[in-house]
Protein backbone atom coordinates (compact mmCIF):
# COMPACT_ATOMS: atom_id res chain seq x y z
CA MET A 1 0.00 0.00 0.00
CA VAL A 2 1.49 3.31 -1.08
CA ARG A 3 -1.24 5.76 -0.06
CA LYS A 4 -2.95 6.33 3.27
CA GLN A 5 -6.19 4.39 3.66
CA VAL A 6 -7.04 4.39 7.37
CA GLY A 7 -3.49 4.73 8.61
CA PRO A 8 -0.23 5.40 6.81
CA GLY A 9 0.82 3.39 3.78
CA PHE A 10 3.76 1.01 4.06
CA ALA A 11 5.88 3.35 1.94
CA GLN A 12 5.14 6.23 4.33
CA ILE A 13 6.14 4.13 7.32
CA ALA A 14 9.35 3.07 5.60
CA ALA A 15 10.19 6.68 4.71
CA ARG A 16 9.64 7.89 8.28
CA TYR A 17 11.82 5.22 9.89
CA ARG A 18 14.33 4.54 7.11
CA ASN A 19 17.38 5.93 8.97
CA ASP A 20 16.39 4.74 12.45
CA PRO A 21 18.46 1.70 13.47
CA GLU A 22 15.99 0.92 16.29
CA ALA A 23 12.98 0.93 13.96
CA PRO A 24 12.81 -2.80 13.12
CA ALA A 25 12.54 -3.83 16.77
CA ARG A 26 10.15 -0.99 17.69
CA LEU A 27 7.87 -1.68 14.73
CA ALA A 28 7.84 -5.41 15.49
CA ASP A 29 6.71 -4.57 19.04
CA LYS A 30 4.04 -2.19 17.73
CA LEU A 31 2.71 -4.90 15.44
CA ARG A 32 2.23 -7.27 18.35
CA ASP A 33 1.24 -4.76 21.04
CA GLY A 34 -0.70 -2.21 18.98
CA SER A 35 -0.17 1.53 18.92
CA VAL A 36 -1.98 4.85 18.99
CA GLY A 37 -0.75 8.38 18.42
CA ALA A 38 2.29 7.77 16.20
CA TRP A 39 0.28 8.85 13.13
CA GLY A 40 -2.33 11.09 14.67
CA ARG A 41 -5.42 9.56 16.23
CA VAL A 42 -5.28 6.40 14.14
CA ILE A 43 -5.34 3.23 16.23
CA MET A 44 -3.35 0.20 15.14
CA PRO A 45 -4.89 -2.83 16.85
CA ARG A 46 -2.58 -5.29 18.54
CA GLN A 47 -1.89 -8.61 16.85
CA PRO A 48 -1.08 -10.99 19.73
CA HIS A 49 -1.40 -14.07 17.50
CA MET A 50 1.77 -13.05 15.61
CA SER A 51 4.95 -14.69 16.75
CA LEU A 52 7.93 -12.50 17.52
CA ASP A 53 9.66 -13.88 14.42
CA GLU A 54 6.65 -13.07 12.21
CA SER A 55 6.43 -9.52 13.54
CA ARG A 56 10.15 -8.98 12.97
CA ARG A 57 9.95 -10.26 9.39
CA LEU A 58 6.90 -8.12 8.66
CA ALA A 59 8.60 -5.03 10.14
CA GLN A 60 11.66 -5.64 7.95
CA TRP A 61 9.44 -6.02 4.89
CA VAL A 62 7.54 -2.79 5.63
CA LEU A 63 10.83 -0.93 6.13
CA SER A 64 12.15 -2.24 2.80
CA GLN A 65 9.40 -0.50 0.80
CA PRO A 66 10.52 2.29 -1.55
CA SER A 67 9.69 5.89 -0.77
CA PRO A 68 6.28 7.12 -1.90
CA PRO A 69 6.13 8.56 -5.43
C-alpha cells in the first residue's frame, strides 16, 4: 500500500523510519502490542497471534518498501 487508507501506507512508514536503526525492533513490538498516536489519532490494533519472528519479518518487509512517489 502506497497511499494512506485508514493509517499510513507502508511506503510512508518506511520513509519515516528509514534511517532509524531501532525501527525494526520498535515496529515489530508495535505490530504485536498495537499503537496509537504515532500517526495522529489512528489506532493500530494489537496482533497478539503473531509470533515475535513473524512480527520482525513483517517489520523488515515494511521498512524495505521504496519511498512514496
